[in-house]
Amino acid sequence: MQITRQVEFDAGHRIPHHGSKCRNAHGHRYTIEATLRGPVKPADGSPDEGMVIDFSDIKAALMRLIHDPWDHSFIVWAGDAPMLDALLLLGDNHKTVVVPCVPTVENLVQLAFDVLNAEFDRIYGKELTLVRVRLFETPTCWADAVAPNVTGEGK
């Protein structure tokens, strides 16, 4: 069984070497989804019977590890010196997240997958598998980071 939970956050970024307007500082209303695979727990009187995992547990991880650090921030590549310099001028009253890669949706979703995968693996071990993290940059544009050896949804 696979289940998915999503949360939304707002953040700014820029793609410094982009050939068009995305090289400018701008923002998005991102939506992130985490899909986990695991067995449905038997009806044994436990609070999570009939579930793979409680949706609130997935939300809590998404909020703590992705939403809270990234929401209403400017996500900037460590190699984007002009943008980093500009953000430093804003001082401590600005939320800046420095990442080791150009903050494209592809790179951001991989960062999110790696953080979430480590967390779910630490808590649930082999009981659950993080199958996919999907990050929407807009309602019609997204990227997926998929666990190795996953051949497709529902398989």
C-alpha atoms as a PDB file:
ATOM      1  CA  MET A   1       0.000   0.000   0.000  1.00  0.00           C
ATOM      2  CA  GLN A   2       1.204   3.512  -0.751  1.00  0.00           C
ATOM      3  CA  ILE A   3      -0.025   6.686   0.904  1.00  0.00           C
ATOM      4  CA  THR A   4       0.790  10.326   0.224  1.00  0.00           C
ATOM      5  CA  ARG A   5       0.643  13.504   2.292  1.00  0.00           C
ATOM      6  CA  GLN A   6       1.237  17.016   1.022  1.00  0.00           C
ATOM      7  CA  VAL A   7       1.979  20.389   2.547  1.00  0.00           C
ATOM      8  CA  GLU A   8       2.545  23.818   1.028  1.00  0.00           C
ATOM      9  CA  PHE A   9       5.119  26.524   1.646  1.00  0.00           C
ATOM     10  CA  ASP A  10       6.211  29.789   0.077  1.00  0.00           C
ATOM     11  CA  ALA A  11       9.814  30.537  -0.813  1.00  0.00           C
ATOM     12  CA  GLY A  12      11.932  32.627  -3.118  1.00  0.00           C
ATOM     13  CA  HIS A  13      14.906  31.608  -5.215  1.00  0.00           C
ATOM     14  CA  ARG A  14      16.721  32.351  -8.429  1.00  0.00           C
ATOM     15  CA  ILE A  15      18.506  30.301 -11.046  1.00  0.00           C
ATOM     16  CA  PRO A  16      21.553  32.534 -11.600  1.00  0.00           C
ATOM     17  CA  HIS A  17      22.640  31.260 -15.030  1.00  0.00           C
ATOM     18  CA  HIS A  18      19.164  30.740 -16.490  1.00  0.00           C
ATOM     19  CA  GLY A  19      18.712  32.130 -19.967  1.00  0.00           C
ATOM     20  CA  SER A  20      15.425  33.820 -19.168  1.00  0.00           C
ATOM     21  CA  LYS A  21      13.523  35.507 -16.341  1.00  0.00           C
ATOM     22  CA  CYS A  22      14.201  32.758 -13.759  1.00  0.00           C
ATOM     23  CA  ARG A  23      17.675  34.281 -13.258  1.00  0.00           C
ATOM     24  CA  ASN A  24      15.860  37.050 -11.352  1.00  0.00           C
ATOM     25  CA  ALA A  25      14.844  36.688  -7.713  1.00  0.00           C
ATOM     26  CA  HIS A  26      11.254  35.437  -7.565  1.00  0.00           C
ATOM     27  CA  GLY A  27       9.023  33.220  -5.471  1.00  0.00           C
ATOM     28  CA  HIS A  28       6.676  30.268  -5.644  1.00  0.00           C
ATOM     29  CA  ARG A  29       3.874  28.636  -3.701  1.00  0.00           C
ATOM     30  CA  TYR A  30       5.474  25.188  -3.489  1.00  0.00           C
ATOM     31  CA  THR A  31       3.588  21.994  -2.744  1.00  0.00           C
ATOM     32  CA  ILE A  32       5.557  19.008  -1.509  1.00  0.00           C
ATOM     33  CA  GLU A  33       4.256  15.438  -1.344  1.00  0.00           C
ATOM     34  CA  ALA A  34       5.803  12.453   0.408  1.00  0.00           C
ATOM     35  CA  THR A  35       4.676   8.972  -0.621  1.00  0.00           C
ATOM     36  CA  LEU A  36       5.418   6.024   1.643  1.00  0.00           C
ATOM     37  CA  ARG A  37       4.951   2.321   1.053  1.00  0.00           C
ATOM     38  CA  GLY A  38       4.345  -0.295   3.703  1.00  0.00           C
ATOM     39  CA  PRO A  39       1.936  -2.884   4.990  1.00  0.00           C
ATOM     40  CA  VAL A  40      -1.447  -1.954   6.372  1.00  0.00           C
ATOM     41  CA  LYS A  41      -1.431  -2.638  10.101  1.00  0.00           C
ATOM     42  CA  PRO A  42      -3.874  -5.341  11.224  1.00  0.00           C
ATOM     43  CA  ALA A  43      -7.019  -4.677  13.256  1.00  0.00           C
ATOM     44  CA  ASP A  44      -5.486  -5.271  16.675  1.00  0.00           C
ATOM     45  CA  GLY A  45      -6.902  -2.422  18.739  1.00  0.00           C
ATOM     46  CA  SER A  46      -3.907  -0.138  18.221  1.00  0.00           C
ATOM     47  CA  PRO A  47      -4.520   3.531  17.291  1.00  0.00           C
ATOM     48  CA  ASP A  48      -3.040   3.005  13.807  1.00  0.00           C
ATOM     49  CA  GLU A  49      -4.845  -0.205  12.877  1.00  0.00           C
ATOM     50  CA  GLY A  50      -5.861  -0.265   9.232  1.00  0.00           C
ATOM     51  CA  MET A  51      -3.179   2.329   8.348  1.00  0.00           C
ATOM     52  CA  VAL A  52       0.266   2.247   6.804  1.00  0.00           C
ATOM     53  CA  ILE A  53       1.217   5.255   8.933  1.00  0.00           C
ATOM     54  CA  ASP A  54      -0.904   8.014  10.395  1.00  0.00           C
ATOM     55  CA  PHE A  55      -1.045  10.958   7.968  1.00  0.00           C
ATOM     56  CA  SER A  56      -0.282  13.265  10.881  1.00  0.00           C
ATOM     57  CA  ASP A  57       3.104  11.551  11.343  1.00  0.00           C
ATOM     58  CA  ILE A  58       4.009  12.250   7.708  1.00  0.00           C
ATOM     59  CA  LYS A  59       2.812  15.835   8.065  1.00  0.00           C
ATOM     60  CA  ALA A  60       4.872  16.316  11.214  1.00  0.00           C
ATOM     61  CA  ALA A  61       8.045  15.229   9.398  1.00  0.00           C
ATOM     62  CA  LEU A  62       7.254  17.418   6.367  1.00  0.00           C
ATOM     63  CA  MET A  63       6.584  20.409   8.583  1.00  0.00           C
ATOM     64  CA  ARG A  64       9.662  20.021  10.780  1.00  0.00           C
ATOM     65  CA  LEU A  65      12.170  19.091   8.075  1.00  0.00           C
ATOM     66  CA  ILE A  66      10.968  20.997   4.988  1.00  0.00           C
ATOM     67  CA  HIS A  67       8.155  23.476   5.652  1.00  0.00           C
ATOM     68  CA  ASP A  68       9.502  25.167   8.759  1.00  0.00           C
ATOM     69  CA  PRO A  69      13.073  25.635   7.473  1.00  0.00           C
ATOM     70  CA  TRP A  70      12.059  26.662   3.924  1.00  0.00           C
ATOM     71  CA  ASP A  71       8.737  28.497   4.355  1.00  0.00           C
ATOM     72  CA  HIS A  72       8.966  32.246   3.724  1.00  0.00           C
ATOM     73  CA  SER A  73      12.687  31.978   3.091  1.00  0.00           C
ATOM     74  CA  PHE A  74      14.931  32.791   0.178  1.00  0.00           C
ATOM     75  CA  ILE A  75      16.669  29.609  -0.951  1.00  0.00           C
ATOM     76  CA  VAL A  76      20.048  30.454  -2.444  1.00  0.00           C
ATOM     77  CA  TRP A  77      22.874  28.398  -3.917  1.00  0.00           C
ATOM     78  CA  ALA A  78      26.123  28.668  -1.947  1.00  0.00           C
ATOM     79  CA  GLY A  79      27.883  29.513  -5.233  1.00  0.00           C
ATOM     80  CA  ASP A  80      25.622  32.481  -6.034  1.00  0.00           C
ATOM     81  CA  ALA A  81      27.900  35.173  -4.577  1.00  0.00           C
ATOM     82  CA  PRO A  82      25.931  38.223  -5.833  1.00  0.00           C
ATOM     83  CA  MET A  83      22.677  36.949  -4.315  1.00  0.00           C
ATOM     84  CA  LEU A  84      24.360  35.917  -1.070  1.00  0.00           C
ATOM     85  CA  ASP A  85      25.929  39.380  -0.803  1.00  0.00           C
ATOM     86  CA  ALA A  86      22.541  41.036  -1.359  1.00  0.00           C
ATOM     87  CA  LEU A  87      20.863  38.829   1.247  1.00  0.00           C
ATOM     88  CA  LEU A  88      23.605  39.601   3.780  1.00  0.00           C
ATOM     89  CA  LEU A  89      22.667  43.275   3.498  1.00  0.00           C
ATOM     90  CA  LEU A  90      19.252  42.397   4.943  1.00  0.00           C
ATOM     91  CA  GLY A  91      20.867  41.202   8.162  1.00  0.00           C
ATOM     92  CA  ASP A  92      19.383  38.852  10.723  1.00  0.00           C
ATOM     93  CA  ASN A  93      15.805  39.893   9.979  1.00  0.00           C
ATOM     94  CA  HIS A  94      15.773  37.823   6.807  1.00  0.00           C
ATOM     95  CA  LYS A  95      15.346  34.067   6.489  1.00  0.00           C
ATOM     96  CA  THR A  96      17.964  32.756   4.075  1.00  0.00           C
ATOM     97  CA  VAL A  97      18.504  29.071   3.352  1.00  0.00           C
ATOM     98  CA  VAL A  98      21.836  28.306   1.693  1.00  0.00           C
ATOM     99  CA  VAL A  99      21.912  25.071  -0.311  1.00  0.00           C
ATOM    100  CA  PRO A 100      24.846  23.282  -1.974  1.00  0.00           C
ATOM    101  CA  CYS A 101      23.255  23.332  -5.433  1.00  0.00           C
ATOM    102  CA  VAL A 102      21.398  25.657  -7.779  1.00  0.00           C
ATOM    103  CA  PRO A 103      17.860  25.749  -6.291  1.00  0.00           C
ATOM    104  CA  THR A 104      15.983  24.287  -9.232  1.00  0.00           C
ATOM    105  CA  VAL A 105      12.917  22.214  -8.423  1.00  0.00           C
ATOM    106  CA  GLU A 106      14.909  19.118  -9.418  1.00  0.00           C
ATOM    107  CA  ASN A 107      17.699  19.861  -6.957  1.00  0.00           C
ATOM    108  CA  LEU A 108      15.355  20.953  -4.170  1.00  0.00           C
ATOM    109  CA  VAL A 109      13.248  17.817  -4.399  1.00  0.00           C
ATOM    110  CA  GLN A 110      16.380  15.669  -4.182  1.00  0.00           C
ATOM    111  CA  LEU A 111      17.509  17.564  -1.077  1.00  0.00           C
ATOM    112  CA  ALA A 112      14.051  17.077   0.450  1.00  0.00           C
ATOM    113  CA  PHE A 113      14.022  13.372  -0.447  1.00  0.00           C
ATOM    114  CA  ASP A 114      17.409  12.799   1.178  1.00  0.00           C
ATOM    115  CA  VAL A 115      16.401  14.534   4.425  1.00  0.00           C
ATOM    116  CA  LEU A 116      13.008  12.821   4.633  1.00  0.00           C
ATOM    117  CA  ASN A 117      14.387   9.418   3.690  1.00  0.00           C
ATOM    118  CA  ALA A 118      16.975   9.567   6.458  1.00  0.00           C
ATOM    119  CA  GLU A 119      14.276  10.535   8.972  1.00  0.00           C
ATOM    120  CA  PHE A 120      11.772   7.831   7.993  1.00  0.00           C
ATOM    121  CA  ASP A 121      14.545   5.231   7.846  1.00  0.00           C
ATOM    122  CA  ARG A 122      15.744   6.255  11.322  1.00  0.00           C
ATOM    123  CA  ILE A 123      12.249   5.996  12.815  1.00  0.00           C
ATOM    124  CA  TYR A 124      10.673   3.106  10.885  1.00  0.00           C
ATOM    125  CA  GLY A 125      13.615   1.152   9.442  1.00  0.00           C
ATOM    126  CA  LYS A 126      12.487  -1.429   6.907  1.00  0.00           C
ATOM    127  CA  GLU A 127       8.853  -1.205   8.055  1.00  0.00           C
ATOM    128  CA  LEU A 128       8.218   1.732   5.673  1.00  0.00           C
ATOM    129  CA  THR A 129       9.829   2.934   2.462  1.00  0.00           C
ATOM    130  CA  LEU A 130       9.850   6.509   1.227  1.00  0.00           C
ATOM    131  CA  VAL A 131       8.948   5.823  -2.377  1.00  0.00           C
ATOM    132  CA  ARG A 132       8.718   9.317  -3.822  1.00  0.00           C
ATOM    133  CA  VAL A 133       8.919  12.963  -2.954  1.00  0.00           C
ATOM    134  CA  ARG A 134       7.226  15.293  -5.430  1.00  0.00           C
ATOM    135  CA  LEU A 135       7.793  19.032  -5.383  1.00  0.00           C
ATOM    136  CA  PHE A 136       5.462  21.304  -7.317  1.00  0.00           C
ATOM    137  CA  GLU A 137       7.021  24.637  -8.237  1.00  0.00           C
ATOM    138  CA  THR A 138       3.760  25.694  -9.849  1.00  0.00           C
ATOM    139  CA  PRO A 139       0.446  23.828 -10.172  1.00  0.00           C
ATOM    140  CA  THR A 140       1.586  22.535 -13.581  1.00  0.00           C
ATOM    141  CA  CYS A 141       5.352  22.016 -13.064  1.00  0.00           C
ATOM    142  CA  TRP A 142       6.982  19.549 -10.688  1.00  0.00           C
ATOM    143  CA  ALA A 143       9.850  17.133 -10.188  1.00  0.00           C
ATOM    144  CA  ASP A 144       9.961  13.740  -8.523  1.00  0.00           C
ATOM    145  CA  ALA A 145      12.767  12.181  -6.530  1.00  0.00           C
ATOM    146  CA  VAL A 146      12.168   8.452  -6.464  1.00  0.00           C
ATOM    147  CA  ALA A 147      13.724   5.784  -4.274  1.00  0.00           C
ATOM    148  CA  PRO A 148      16.210   3.509  -6.033  1.00  0.00           C
ATOM    149  CA  ASN A 149      14.733   0.269  -7.351  1.00  0.00           C
ATOM    150  CA  VAL A 150      11.218   1.689  -7.495  1.00  0.00           C
ATOM    151  CA  THR A 151       9.806   0.799 -10.886  1.00  0.00           C
ATOM    152  CA  GLY A 152       6.573   2.700 -10.646  1.00  0.00           C
ATOM    153  CA  GLU A 153       3.705   3.711  -8.448  1.00  0.00           C
ATOM    154  CA  GLY A 154       1.556   0.891  -7.193  1.00  0.00           C
ATOM    155  CA  LYS A 155       4.151  -1.809  -7.846  1.00  0.00           C
END
